[in-house]
Amino acid sequence: QVQLVESGGGLVQAGGSLRLSCAASGSIFSGYAMGWFRQAPGKEREFVAALTYSGSRLSYADSAKDRFTISRDNAKNTVYLQMNSLKPEDTAVYYCAAYPFDMVVGITPRSWGQGTQVTVSS
């Protein structure tokens, strides 16, 4: 069954903003950390951001710091990624991920969404 569904991707000009959303089933969302990863053409999937269930602990890749903000609405089982000041190098498929524990460091996600394409034109 589908457990993570991303939305909000699209085409945007450099300097623009997008907000990604990921709706999750309660069984893999409640009490667990959530995160975002991305994969550009010809590159490996890389970590973007993650946060614990309470939102008290966050982790960002250096490339996302100061431009991206991860957040979650636990009442809606949804995690968001607000992306500002987008650059062409941010072009990638963005994946939502659910972690097996309420931790954001040193843990591999256990579930992945199908991905949403983000394209930033120069």
PDB file of N, CA and C in Angstrom:
ATOM      1  N   GLN A   1       0.828  -1.170   0.000  1.00  0.00           N
ATOM      2  CA  GLN A   1       0.000   0.000   0.000  1.00  0.00           C
ATOM      3  C   GLN A   1       0.877   1.240   0.000  1.00  0.00           C
ATOM      4  N   VAL A   2       0.306   2.343  -0.538  1.00  0.00           N
ATOM      5  CA  VAL A   2       1.037   3.600  -0.597  1.00  0.00           C
ATOM      6  C   VAL A   2       1.065   4.212   0.777  1.00  0.00           C
ATOM      7  N   GLN A   3       2.285   4.566   1.248  1.00  0.00           N
ATOM      8  CA  GLN A   3       2.420   5.119   2.586  1.00  0.00           C
ATOM      9  C   GLN A   3       2.923   6.556   2.607  1.00  0.00           C
ATOM     10  N   LEU A   4       3.655   6.978   1.584  1.00  0.00           N
ATOM     11  CA  LEU A   4       4.187   8.328   1.504  1.00  0.00           C
ATOM     12  C   LEU A   4       3.877   8.890   0.118  1.00  0.00           C
ATOM     13  N   VAL A   5       3.214  10.033   0.073  1.00  0.00           N
ATOM     14  CA  VAL A   5       2.841  10.645  -1.187  1.00  0.00           C
ATOM     15  C   VAL A   5       3.299  12.102  -1.207  1.00  0.00           C
ATOM     16  N   GLU A   6       4.255  12.397  -2.104  1.00  0.00           N
ATOM     17  CA  GLU A   6       4.772  13.749  -2.223  1.00  0.00           C
ATOM     18  C   GLU A   6       3.960  14.561  -3.223  1.00  0.00           C
ATOM     19  N   SER A   7       3.999  15.864  -3.036  1.00  0.00           N
ATOM     20  CA  SER A   7       3.378  16.790  -3.989  1.00  0.00           C
ATOM     21  C   SER A   7       4.072  18.136  -3.872  1.00  0.00           C
ATOM     22  N   GLY A   8       3.826  18.996  -4.851  1.00  0.00           N
ATOM     23  CA  GLY A   8       4.342  20.353  -4.786  1.00  0.00           C
ATOM     24  C   GLY A   8       5.527  20.644  -5.679  1.00  0.00           C
ATOM     25  N   GLY A   9       6.039  19.627  -6.357  1.00  0.00           N
ATOM     26  CA  GLY A   9       7.153  19.871  -7.256  1.00  0.00           C
ATOM     27  C   GLY A   9       6.699  20.632  -8.489  1.00  0.00           C
ATOM     28  N   GLY A  10       7.686  21.050  -9.289  1.00  0.00           N
ATOM     29  CA  GLY A  10       7.356  21.775 -10.506  1.00  0.00           C
ATOM     30  C   GLY A  10       8.551  22.502 -11.062  1.00  0.00           C
ATOM     31  N   LEU A  11       8.260  23.393 -11.997  1.00  0.00           N
ATOM     32  CA  LEU A  11       9.292  24.190 -12.653  1.00  0.00           C
ATOM     33  C   LEU A  11       9.261  25.596 -12.067  1.00  0.00           C
ATOM     34  N   VAL A  12      10.434  26.087 -11.690  1.00  0.00           N
ATOM     35  CA  VAL A  12      10.534  27.412 -11.093  1.00  0.00           C
ATOM     36  C   VAL A  12      11.815  28.065 -11.579  1.00  0.00           C
ATOM     37  N   GLN A  13      11.801  29.371 -11.664  1.00  0.00           N
ATOM     38  CA  GLN A  13      13.013  30.090 -12.058  1.00  0.00           C
ATOM     39  C   GLN A  13      13.972  30.211 -10.879  1.00  0.00           C
ATOM     40  N   ALA A  14      15.231  30.350 -11.192  1.00  0.00           N
ATOM     41  CA  ALA A  14      16.237  30.548 -10.151  1.00  0.00           C
ATOM     42  C   ALA A  14      15.853  31.739  -9.277  1.00  0.00           C
ATOM     43  N   GLY A  15      16.015  31.555  -7.973  1.00  0.00           N
ATOM     44  CA  GLY A  15      15.614  32.582  -7.023  1.00  0.00           C
ATOM     45  C   GLY A  15      14.213  32.424  -6.506  1.00  0.00           C
ATOM     46  N   GLY A  16      13.446  31.546  -7.125  1.00  0.00           N
ATOM     47  CA  GLY A  16      12.070  31.325  -6.720  1.00  0.00           C
ATOM     48  C   GLY A  16      11.944  30.359  -5.556  1.00  0.00           C
ATOM     49  N   SER A  17      10.706  30.047  -5.227  1.00  0.00           N
ATOM     50  CA  SER A  17      10.408  29.187  -4.079  1.00  0.00           C
ATOM     51  C   SER A  17       9.413  28.096  -4.454  1.00  0.00           C
ATOM     52  N   LEU A  18       9.503  26.995  -3.740  1.00  0.00           N
ATOM     53  CA  LEU A  18       8.538  25.912  -3.836  1.00  0.00           C
ATOM     54  C   LEU A  18       8.331  25.330  -2.452  1.00  0.00           C
ATOM     55  N   ARG A  19       7.152  24.787  -2.236  1.00  0.00           N
ATOM     56  CA  ARG A  19       6.874  24.093  -0.986  1.00  0.00           C
ATOM     57  C   ARG A  19       6.426  22.675  -1.312  1.00  0.00           C
ATOM     58  N   LEU A  20       7.224  21.721  -0.878  1.00  0.00           N
ATOM     59  CA  LEU A  20       6.883  20.322  -1.062  1.00  0.00           C
ATOM     60  C   LEU A  20       6.104  19.820   0.144  1.00  0.00           C
ATOM     61  N   SER A  21       5.176  18.917  -0.125  1.00  0.00           N
ATOM     62  CA  SER A  21       4.403  18.285   0.934  1.00  0.00           C
ATOM     63  C   SER A  21       4.505  16.785   0.801  1.00  0.00           C
ATOM     64  N   CYS A  22       4.395  16.106   1.917  1.00  0.00           N
ATOM     65  CA  CYS A  22       4.410  14.646   1.919  1.00  0.00           C
ATOM     66  C   CYS A  22       3.366  14.167   2.914  1.00  0.00           C
ATOM     67  N   ALA A  23       2.337  13.514   2.391  1.00  0.00           N
ATOM     68  CA  ALA A  23       1.297  12.944   3.236  1.00  0.00           C
ATOM     69  C   ALA A  23       1.658  11.507   3.544  1.00  0.00           C
ATOM     70  N   ALA A  24       1.632  11.154   4.818  1.00  0.00           N
ATOM     71  CA  ALA A  24       2.072   9.830   5.243  1.00  0.00           C
ATOM     72  C   ALA A  24       0.968   9.094   5.971  1.00  0.00           C
ATOM     73  N   SER A  25       1.039   7.788   5.913  1.00  0.00           N
ATOM     74  CA  SER A  25       0.117   6.984   6.713  1.00  0.00           C
ATOM     75  C   SER A  25       0.549   7.063   8.174  1.00  0.00           C
ATOM     76  N   GLY A  26      -0.406   6.981   9.058  1.00  0.00           N
ATOM     77  CA  GLY A  26      -0.112   7.166  10.466  1.00  0.00           C
ATOM     78  C   GLY A  26       0.852   6.156  11.040  1.00  0.00           C
ATOM     79  N   SER A  27       0.847   4.956  10.490  1.00  0.00           N
ATOM     80  CA  SER A  27       1.666   3.890  11.059  1.00  0.00           C
ATOM     81  C   SER A  27       3.157   4.158  10.936  1.00  0.00           C
ATOM     82  N   ILE A  28       3.559   4.930   9.936  1.00  0.00           N
ATOM     83  CA  ILE A  28       4.987   5.205   9.771  1.00  0.00           C
ATOM     84  C   ILE A  28       5.316   6.655  10.099  1.00  0.00           C
ATOM     85  N   PHE A  29       4.322   7.436  10.482  1.00  0.00           N
ATOM     86  CA  PHE A  29       4.536   8.853  10.752  1.00  0.00           C
ATOM     87  C   PHE A  29       4.533   9.154  12.243  1.00  0.00           C
ATOM     88  N   SER A  30       3.543   8.653  12.920  1.00  0.00           N
ATOM     89  CA  SER A  30       3.384   8.986  14.333  1.00  0.00           C
ATOM     90  C   SER A  30       4.536   8.460  15.175  1.00  0.00           C
ATOM     91  N   GLY A  31       5.233   9.394  15.804  1.00  0.00           N
ATOM     92  CA  GLY A  31       6.311   9.018  16.707  1.00  0.00           C
ATOM     93  C   GLY A  31       7.667   8.852  16.055  1.00  0.00           C
ATOM     94  N   TYR A  32       7.745   9.083  14.761  1.00  0.00           N
ATOM     95  CA  TYR A  32       8.992   8.849  14.038  1.00  0.00           C
ATOM     96  C   TYR A  32       9.521  10.106  13.357  1.00  0.00           C
ATOM     97  N   ALA A  33      10.828  10.127  13.158  1.00  0.00           N
ATOM     98  CA  ALA A  33      11.438  11.204  12.390  1.00  0.00           C
ATOM     99  C   ALA A  33      11.078  11.060  10.917  1.00  0.00           C
ATOM    100  N   MET A  34      11.061  12.208  10.238  1.00  0.00           N
ATOM    101  CA  MET A  34      10.782  12.246   8.805  1.00  0.00           C
ATOM    102  C   MET A  34      11.850  13.087   8.118  1.00  0.00           C
ATOM    103  N   GLY A  35      12.042  12.840   6.841  1.00  0.00           N
ATOM    104  CA  GLY A  35      13.071  13.581   6.143  1.00  0.00           C
ATOM    105  C   GLY A  35      12.806  13.732   4.662  1.00  0.00           C
ATOM    106  N   TRP A  36      13.685  14.506   4.039  1.00  0.00           N
ATOM    107  CA  TRP A  36      13.653  14.694   2.590  1.00  0.00           C
ATOM    108  C   TRP A  36      15.038  14.377   2.017  1.00  0.00           C
ATOM    109  N   PHE A  37      15.040  13.711   0.894  1.00  0.00           N
ATOM    110  CA  PHE A  37      16.238  13.424   0.133  1.00  0.00           C
ATOM    111  C   PHE A  37      16.007  13.887  -1.303  1.00  0.00           C
ATOM    112  N   ARG A  38      17.068  13.928  -2.079  1.00  0.00           N
ATOM    113  CA  ARG A  38      16.920  14.270  -3.493  1.00  0.00           C
ATOM    114  C   ARG A  38      17.936  13.518  -4.324  1.00  0.00           C
ATOM    115  N   GLN A  39      17.583  13.352  -5.593  1.00  0.00           N
ATOM    116  CA  GLN A  39      18.487  12.678  -6.526  1.00  0.00           C
ATOM    117  C   GLN A  39      18.466  13.413  -7.852  1.00  0.00           C
ATOM    118  N   ALA A  40      19.610  13.951  -8.213  1.00  0.00           N
ATOM    119  CA  ALA A  40      19.773  14.621  -9.492  1.00  0.00           C
ATOM    120  C   ALA A  40      20.189  13.606 -10.549  1.00  0.00           C
ATOM    121  N   PRO A  41      19.949  13.899 -11.813  1.00  0.00           N
ATOM    122  CA  PRO A  41      20.322  12.957 -12.881  1.00  0.00           C
ATOM    123  C   PRO A  41      21.795  12.603 -12.828  1.00  0.00           C
ATOM    124  N   GLY A  42      22.077  11.319 -12.861  1.00  0.00           N
ATOM    125  CA  GLY A  42      23.448  10.848 -12.861  1.00  0.00           C
ATOM    126  C   GLY A  42      24.147  10.894 -11.522  1.00  0.00           C
ATOM    127  N   LYS A  43      23.402  11.258 -10.476  1.00  0.00           N
ATOM    128  CA  LYS A  43      24.006  11.347  -9.145  1.00  0.00           C
ATOM    129  C   LYS A  43      23.291  10.425  -8.168  1.00  0.00           C
ATOM    130  N   GLU A  44      23.960  10.178  -7.057  1.00  0.00           N
ATOM    131  CA  GLU A  44      23.345   9.360  -6.024  1.00  0.00           C
ATOM    132  C   GLU A  44      22.332  10.176  -5.221  1.00  0.00           C
ATOM    133  N   ARG A  45      21.408   9.473  -4.615  1.00  0.00           N
ATOM    134  CA  ARG A  45      20.446  10.127  -3.749  1.00  0.00           C
ATOM    135  C   ARG A  45      21.182  10.732  -2.551  1.00  0.00           C
ATOM    136  N   GLU A  46      20.818  11.956  -2.195  1.00  0.00           N
ATOM    137  CA  GLU A  46      21.490  12.617  -1.091  1.00  0.00           C
ATOM    138  C   GLU A  46      20.492  13.184  -0.084  1.00  0.00           C
ATOM    139  N   PHE A  47      20.950  13.270   1.137  1.00  0.00           N
ATOM    140  CA  PHE A  47      20.155  13.807   2.228  1.00  0.00           C
ATOM    141  C   PHE A  47      19.953  15.306   2.052  1.00  0.00           C
ATOM    142  N   VAL A  48      18.743  15.780   2.391  1.00  0.00           N
ATOM    143  CA  VAL A  48      18.452  17.209   2.338  1.00  0.00           C
ATOM    144  C   VAL A  48      18.152  17.742   3.736  1.00  0.00           C
ATOM    145  N   ALA A  49      17.181  17.133   4.404  1.00  0.00           N
ATOM    146  CA  ALA A  49      16.778  17.628   5.724  1.00  0.00           C
ATOM    147  C   ALA A  49      15.953  16.566   6.442  1.00  0.00           C
ATOM    148  N   ALA A  50      15.917  16.662   7.772  1.00  0.00           N
ATOM    149  CA  ALA A  50      15.115  15.737   8.568  1.00  0.00           C
ATOM    150  C   ALA A  50      14.763  16.399   9.889  1.00  0.00           C
ATOM    151  N   LEU A  51      13.695  15.899  10.506  1.00  0.00           N
ATOM    152  CA  LEU A  51      13.320  16.403  11.826  1.00  0.00           C
ATOM    153  C   LEU A  51      12.641  15.311  12.629  1.00  0.00           C
ATOM    154  N   THR A  52      12.751  15.410  13.949  1.00  0.00           N
ATOM    155  CA  THR A  52      12.136  14.453  14.833  1.00  0.00           C
ATOM    156  C   THR A  52      10.625  14.690  14.929  1.00  0.00           C
ATOM    157  N   TYR A  53       9.947  13.809  15.601  1.00  0.00           N
ATOM    158  CA  TYR A  53       8.496  13.889  15.671  1.00  0.00           C
ATOM    159  C   TYR A  53       8.023  15.196  16.313  1.00  0.00           C
ATOM    160  N   SER A  54       8.715  15.619  17.357  1.00  0.00           N
ATOM    161  CA  SER A  54       8.335  16.860  18.032  1.00  0.00           C
ATOM    162  C   SER A  54       8.820  18.097  17.291  1.00  0.00           C
ATOM    163  N   GLY A  55       9.735  17.882  16.363  1.00  0.00           N
ATOM    164  CA  GLY A  55      10.326  19.011  15.655  1.00  0.00           C
ATOM    165  C   GLY A  55      11.447  19.681  16.429  1.00  0.00           C
ATOM    166  N   SER A  56      11.818  19.098  17.554  1.00  0.00           N
ATOM    167  CA  SER A  56      12.826  19.735  18.395  1.00  0.00           C
ATOM    168  C   SER A  56      14.244  19.536  17.860  1.00  0.00           C
ATOM    169  N   ARG A  57      14.436  18.507  17.093  1.00  0.00           N
ATOM    170  CA  ARG A  57      15.757  18.264  16.499  1.00  0.00           C
ATOM    171  C   ARG A  57      15.640  18.249  14.983  1.00  0.00           C
ATOM    172  N   LEU A  58      16.447  19.061  14.350  1.00  0.00           N
ATOM    173  CA  LEU A  58      16.457  19.155  12.900  1.00  0.00           C
ATOM    174  C   LEU A  58      17.870  18.943  12.389  1.00  0.00           C
ATOM    175  N   SER A  59      17.949  18.488  11.174  1.00  0.00           N
ATOM    176  CA  SER A  59      19.232  18.298  10.530  1.00  0.00           C
ATOM    177  C   SER A  59      19.101  18.727   9.080  1.00  0.00           C
ATOM    178  N   TYR A  60      20.101  19.469   8.598  1.00  0.00           N
ATOM    179  CA  TYR A  60      20.101  19.934   7.222  1.00  0.00           C
ATOM    180  C   TYR A  60      21.426  19.621   6.553  1.00  0.00           C
ATOM    181  N   ALA A  61      21.362  19.327   5.271  1.00  0.00           N
ATOM    182  CA  ALA A  61      22.585  19.265   4.479  1.00  0.00           C
ATOM    183  C   ALA A  61      23.119  20.686   4.324  1.00  0.00           C
ATOM    184  N   ASP A  62      24.414  20.792   4.148  1.00  0.00           N
ATOM    185  CA  ASP A  62      25.002  22.126   3.977  1.00  0.00           C
ATOM    186  C   ASP A  62      24.354  22.884   2.815  1.00  0.00           C
ATOM    187  N   SER A  63      23.995  22.161   1.783  1.00  0.00           N
ATOM    188  CA  SER A  63      23.405  22.794   0.603  1.00  0.00           C
ATOM    189  C   SER A  63      22.010  23.357   0.875  1.00  0.00           C
ATOM    190  N   ALA A  64      21.372  22.888   1.955  1.00  0.00           N
ATOM    191  CA  ALA A  64      20.010  23.303   2.264  1.00  0.00           C
ATOM    192  C   ALA A  64      19.943  24.356   3.371  1.00  0.00           C
ATOM    193  N   LYS A  65      20.998  24.459   4.143  1.00  0.00           N
ATOM    194  CA  LYS A  65      20.991  25.404   5.257  1.00  0.00           C
ATOM    195  C   LYS A  65      20.757  26.826   4.769  1.00  0.00           C
ATOM    196  N   ASP A  66      19.957  27.555   5.509  1.00  0.00           N
ATOM    197  CA  ASP A  66      19.652  28.972   5.244  1.00  0.00           C
ATOM    198  C   ASP A  66      18.714  29.184   4.064  1.00  0.00           C
ATOM    199  N   ARG A  67      18.401  28.133   3.304  1.00  0.00           N
ATOM    200  CA  ARG A  67      17.478  28.278   2.177  1.00  0.00           C
ATOM    201  C   ARG A  67      16.239  27.401   2.305  1.00  0.00           C
ATOM    202  N   PHE A  68      16.405  26.213   2.885  1.00  0.00           N
ATOM    203  CA  PHE A  68      15.302  25.269   3.000  1.00  0.00           C
ATOM    204  C   PHE A  68      14.868  25.167   4.458  1.00  0.00           C
ATOM    205  N   THR A  69      13.575  24.911   4.666  1.00  0.00           N
ATOM    206  CA  THR A  69      13.050  24.701   6.003  1.00  0.00           C
ATOM    207  C   THR A  69      12.146  23.483   5.999  1.00  0.00           C
ATOM    208  N   ILE A  70      12.459  22.526   6.856  1.00  0.00           N
ATOM    209  CA  ILE A  70      11.618  21.353   7.008  1.00  0.00           C
ATOM    210  C   ILE A  70      10.698  21.568   8.203  1.00  0.00           C
ATOM    211  N   SER A  71       9.462  21.108   8.063  1.00  0.00           N
ATOM    212  CA  SER A  71       8.495  21.229   9.148  1.00  0.00           C
ATOM    213  C   SER A  71       7.489  20.095   9.027  1.00  0.00           C
ATOM    214  N   ARG A  72       6.653  19.939  10.038  1.00  0.00           N
ATOM    215  CA  ARG A  72       5.655  18.876   9.987  1.00  0.00           C
ATOM    216  C   ARG A  72       4.414  19.308  10.739  1.00  0.00           C
ATOM    217  N   ASP A  73       3.286  18.772  10.306  1.00  0.00           N
ATOM    218  CA  ASP A  73       2.011  18.956  10.975  1.00  0.00           C
ATOM    219  C   ASP A  73       1.558  17.571  11.413  1.00  0.00           C
ATOM    220  N   ASN A  74       1.757  17.260  12.670  1.00  0.00           N
ATOM    221  CA  ASN A  74       1.471  15.908  13.151  1.00  0.00           C
ATOM    222  C   ASN A  74      -0.016  15.592  13.142  1.00  0.00           C
ATOM    223  N   ALA A  75      -0.851  16.595  13.219  1.00  0.00           N
ATOM    224  CA  ALA A  75      -2.294  16.363  13.154  1.00  0.00           C
ATOM    225  C   ALA A  75      -2.727  15.928  11.756  1.00  0.00           C
ATOM    226  N   LYS A  76      -1.952  16.313  10.762  1.00  0.00           N
ATOM    227  CA  LYS A  76      -2.267  15.978   9.365  1.00  0.00           C
ATOM    228  C   LYS A  76      -1.367  14.895   8.797  1.00  0.00           C
ATOM    229  N   ASN A  77      -0.480  14.349   9.631  1.00  0.00           N
ATOM    230  CA  ASN A  77       0.473  13.329   9.149  1.00  0.00           C
ATOM    231  C   ASN A  77       1.205  13.813   7.897  1.00  0.00           C
ATOM    232  N   THR A  78       1.647  15.040   7.930  1.00  0.00           N
ATOM    233  CA  THR A  78       2.267  15.642   6.756  1.00  0.00           C
ATOM    234  C   THR A  78       3.574  16.328   7.130  1.00  0.00           C
ATOM    235  N   VAL A  79       4.545  16.165   6.271  1.00  0.00           N
ATOM    236  CA  VAL A  79       5.831  16.843   6.427  1.00  0.00           C
ATOM    237  C   VAL A  79       6.036  17.739   5.212  1.00  0.00           C
ATOM    238  N   TYR A  80       6.671  18.876   5.441  1.00  0.00           N
ATOM    239  CA  TYR A  80       6.845  19.876   4.392  1.00  0.00           C
ATOM    240  C   TYR A  80       8.323  20.199   4.190  1.00  0.00           C
ATOM    241  N   LEU A  81       8.626  20.708   3.017  1.00  0.00           N
ATOM    242  CA  LEU A  81       9.943  21.262   2.750  1.00  0.00           C
ATOM    243  C   LEU A  81       9.744  22.576   2.003  1.00  0.00           C
ATOM    244  N   GLN A  82       9.985  23.666   2.696  1.00  0.00           N
ATOM    245  CA  GLN A  82       9.923  24.978   2.081  1.00  0.00           C
ATOM    246  C   GLN A  82      11.284  25.295   1.498  1.00  0.00           C
ATOM    247  N   MET A  83      11.318  25.543   0.206  1.00  0.00           N
ATOM    248  CA  MET A  83      12.582  25.787  -0.485  1.00  0.00           C
ATOM    249  C   MET A  83      12.570  27.200  -1.061  1.00  0.00           C
ATOM    250  N   ASN A  84      13.490  28.011  -0.609  1.00  0.00           N
ATOM    251  CA  ASN A  84      13.611  29.392  -1.068  1.00  0.00           C
ATOM    252  C   ASN A  84      14.943  29.595  -1.777  1.00  0.00           C
ATOM    253  N   SER A  85      15.028  30.678  -2.511  1.00  0.00           N
ATOM    254  CA  SER A  85      16.268  31.022  -3.223  1.00  0.00           C
ATOM    255  C   SER A  85      16.796  29.830  -4.016  1.00  0.00           C
ATOM    256  N   LEU A  86      15.918  29.210  -4.752  1.00  0.00           N
ATOM    257  CA  LEU A  86      16.286  28.000  -5.476  1.00  0.00           C
ATOM    258  C   LEU A  86      17.320  28.277  -6.554  1.00  0.00           C
ATOM    259  N   LYS A  87      18.191  27.301  -6.760  1.00  0.00           N
ATOM    260  CA  LYS A  87      19.269  27.384  -7.729  1.00  0.00           C
ATOM    261  C   LYS A  87      19.117  26.261  -8.747  1.00  0.00           C
ATOM    262  N   PRO A  88      19.677  26.419  -9.938  1.00  0.00           N
ATOM    263  CA  PRO A  88      19.607  25.336 -10.923  1.00  0.00           C
ATOM    264  C   PRO A  88      20.156  24.007 -10.379  1.00  0.00           C
ATOM    265  N   GLU A  89      21.153  24.069  -9.517  1.00  0.00           N
ATOM    266  CA  GLU A  89      21.718  22.837  -8.961  1.00  0.00           C
ATOM    267  C   GLU A  89      20.797  22.148  -7.957  1.00  0.00           C
ATOM    268  N   ASP A  90      19.683  22.775  -7.607  1.00  0.00           N
ATOM    269  CA  ASP A  90      18.677  22.120  -6.775  1.00  0.00           C
ATOM    270  C   ASP A  90      17.760  21.226  -7.590  1.00  0.00           C
ATOM    271  N   THR A  91      17.906  21.257  -8.904  1.00  0.00           N
ATOM    272  CA  THR A  91      17.086  20.415  -9.767  1.00  0.00           C
ATOM    273  C   THR A  91      17.321  18.945  -9.461  1.00  0.00           C
ATOM    274  N   ALA A  92      16.244  18.238  -9.147  1.00  0.00           N
ATOM    275  CA  ALA A  92      16.341  16.831  -8.747  1.00  0.00           C
ATOM    276  C   ALA A  92      14.939  16.288  -8.515  1.00  0.00           C
ATOM    277  N   VAL A  93      14.881  14.992  -8.350  1.00  0.00           N
ATOM    278  CA  VAL A  93      13.668  14.370  -7.826  1.00  0.00           C
ATOM    279  C   VAL A  93      13.799  14.367  -6.312  1.00  0.00           C
ATOM    280  N   TYR A  94      12.787  14.884  -5.644  1.00  0.00           N
ATOM    281  CA  TYR A  94      12.807  14.980  -4.186  1.00  0.00           C
ATOM    282  C   TYR A  94      11.934  13.882  -3.592  1.00  0.00           C
ATOM    283  N   TYR A  95      12.511  13.183  -2.628  1.00  0.00           N
ATOM    284  CA  TYR A  95      11.839  12.046  -2.008  1.00  0.00           C
ATOM    285  C   TYR A  95      11.577  12.313  -0.537  1.00  0.00           C
ATOM    286  N   CYS A  96      10.394  11.976  -0.120  1.00  0.00           N
ATOM    287  CA  CYS A  96      10.051  11.988   1.294  1.00  0.00           C
ATOM    288  C   CYS A  96      10.478  10.647   1.889  1.00  0.00           C
ATOM    289  N   ALA A  97      10.921  10.675   3.145  1.00  0.00           N
ATOM    290  CA  ALA A  97      11.397   9.463   3.783  1.00  0.00           C
ATOM    291  C   ALA A  97      10.915   9.385   5.224  1.00  0.00           C
ATOM    292  N   ALA A  98      10.608   8.178   5.640  1.00  0.00           N
ATOM    293  CA  ALA A  98      10.216   7.924   7.025  1.00  0.00           C
ATOM    294  C   ALA A  98      11.298   7.099   7.699  1.00  0.00           C
ATOM    295  N   TYR A  99      11.685   7.524   8.894  1.00  0.00           N
ATOM    296  CA  TYR A  99      12.733   6.835   9.633  1.00  0.00           C
ATOM    297  C   TYR A  99      12.132   5.795  10.581  1.00  0.00           C
ATOM    298  N   PRO A 100      12.927   4.773  10.915  1.00  0.00           N
ATOM    299  CA  PRO A 100      12.425   3.735  11.820  1.00  0.00           C
ATOM    300  C   PRO A 100      12.485   4.129  13.289  1.00  0.00           C
ATOM    301  N   PHE A 101      13.142   5.243  13.575  1.00  0.00           N
ATOM    302  CA  PHE A 101      13.248   5.731  14.950  1.00  0.00           C
ATOM    303  C   PHE A 101      13.020   7.246  14.951  1.00  0.00           C
ATOM    304  N   ASP A 102      12.907   7.801  16.130  1.00  0.00           N
ATOM    305  CA  ASP A 102      12.725   9.248  16.255  1.00  0.00           C
ATOM    306  C   ASP A 102      14.095   9.913  16.381  1.00  0.00           C
ATOM    307  N   MET A 103      14.905   9.708  15.360  1.00  0.00           N
ATOM    308  CA  MET A 103      16.260  10.244  15.317  1.00  0.00           C
ATOM    309  C   MET A 103      16.531  10.751  13.917  1.00  0.00           C
ATOM    310  N   VAL A 104      17.425  11.739  13.822  1.00  0.00           N
ATOM    311  CA  VAL A 104      17.689  12.318  12.506  1.00  0.00           C
ATOM    312  C   VAL A 104      19.128  12.160  12.061  1.00  0.00           C
ATOM    313  N   VAL A 105      19.955  11.532  12.881  1.00  0.00           N
ATOM    314  CA  VAL A 105      21.364  11.380  12.539  1.00  0.00           C
ATOM    315  C   VAL A 105      21.758   9.913  12.589  1.00  0.00           C
ATOM    316  N   GLY A 106      22.460   9.453  11.558  1.00  0.00           N
ATOM    317  CA  GLY A 106      23.007   8.107  11.586  1.00  0.00           C
ATOM    318  C   GLY A 106      22.003   6.996  11.390  1.00  0.00           C
ATOM    319  N   ILE A 107      20.837   7.337  10.852  1.00  0.00           N
ATOM    320  CA  ILE A 107      19.794   6.332  10.666  1.00  0.00           C
ATOM    321  C   ILE A 107      19.364   6.316   9.203  1.00  0.00           C
ATOM    322  N   THR A 108      19.175   5.143   8.662  1.00  0.00           N
ATOM    323  CA  THR A 108      18.695   5.011   7.289  1.00  0.00           C
ATOM    324  C   THR A 108      17.170   4.937   7.275  1.00  0.00           C
ATOM    325  N   PRO A 109      16.521   5.713   6.400  1.00  0.00           N
ATOM    326  CA  PRO A 109      15.057   5.641   6.325  1.00  0.00           C
ATOM    327  C   PRO A 109      14.574   4.235   5.978  1.00  0.00           C
ATOM    328  N   ARG A 110      13.355   3.926   6.404  1.00  0.00           N
ATOM    329  CA  ARG A 110      12.781   2.614   6.147  1.00  0.00           C
ATOM    330  C   ARG A 110      11.722   2.657   5.050  1.00  0.00           C
ATOM    331  N   SER A 111      11.202   3.839   4.739  1.00  0.00           N
ATOM    332  CA  SER A 111      10.158   3.959   3.728  1.00  0.00           C
ATOM    333  C   SER A 111      10.408   5.206   2.891  1.00  0.00           C
ATOM    334  N   TRP A 112      10.038   5.092   1.605  1.00  0.00           N
ATOM    335  CA  TRP A 112      10.270   6.193   0.677  1.00  0.00           C
ATOM    336  C   TRP A 112       8.997   6.486  -0.115  1.00  0.00           C
ATOM    337  N   GLY A 113       8.835   7.751  -0.465  1.00  0.00           N
ATOM    338  CA  GLY A 113       7.776   8.118  -1.383  1.00  0.00           C
ATOM    339  C   GLY A 113       8.213   7.874  -2.820  1.00  0.00           C
ATOM    340  N   GLN A 114       7.329   8.185  -3.746  1.00  0.00           N
ATOM    341  CA  GLN A 114       7.620   7.944  -5.164  1.00  0.00           C
ATOM    342  C   GLN A 114       8.434   9.080  -5.782  1.00  0.00           C
ATOM    343  N   GLY A 115       8.522  10.194  -5.098  1.00  0.00           N
ATOM    344  CA  GLY A 115       9.328  11.317  -5.568  1.00  0.00           C
ATOM    345  C   GLY A 115       8.516  12.353  -6.317  1.00  0.00           C
ATOM    346  N   THR A 116       8.993  13.584  -6.271  1.00  0.00           N
ATOM    347  CA  THR A 116       8.379  14.675  -7.022  1.00  0.00           C
ATOM    348  C   THR A 116       9.493  15.490  -7.673  1.00  0.00           C
ATOM    349  N   GLN A 117       9.321  15.817  -8.940  1.00  0.00           N
ATOM    350  CA  GLN A 117      10.358  16.497  -9.701  1.00  0.00           C
ATOM    351  C   GLN A 117      10.364  17.990  -9.399  1.00  0.00           C
ATOM    352  N   VAL A 118      11.549  18.494  -9.130  1.00  0.00           N
ATOM    353  CA  VAL A 118      11.777  19.931  -8.986  1.00  0.00           C
ATOM    354  C   VAL A 118      12.788  20.342 -10.038  1.00  0.00           C
ATOM    355  N   THR A 119      12.410  21.290 -10.867  1.00  0.00           N
ATOM    356  CA  THR A 119      13.296  21.787 -11.912  1.00  0.00           C
ATOM    357  C   THR A 119      13.445  23.289 -11.750  1.00  0.00           C
ATOM    358  N   VAL A 120      14.694  23.733 -11.637  1.00  0.00           N
ATOM    359  CA  VAL A 120      14.985  25.150 -11.464  1.00  0.00           C
ATOM    360  C   VAL A 120      15.707  25.638 -12.710  1.00  0.00           C
ATOM    361  N   SER A 121      15.086  26.564 -13.393  1.00  0.00           N
ATOM    362  CA  SER A 121      15.681  27.089 -14.624  1.00  0.00           C
ATOM    363  C   SER A 121      16.537  28.318 -14.311  1.00  0.00           C
ATOM    364  N   SER A 122      17.561  28.488 -15.110  1.00  0.00           N
ATOM    365  CA  SER A 122      18.484  29.621 -14.888  1.00  0.00           C
ATOM    366  C   SER A 122      18.038  30.859 -15.640  1.00  0.00           C
TER     367      SER A 122
END
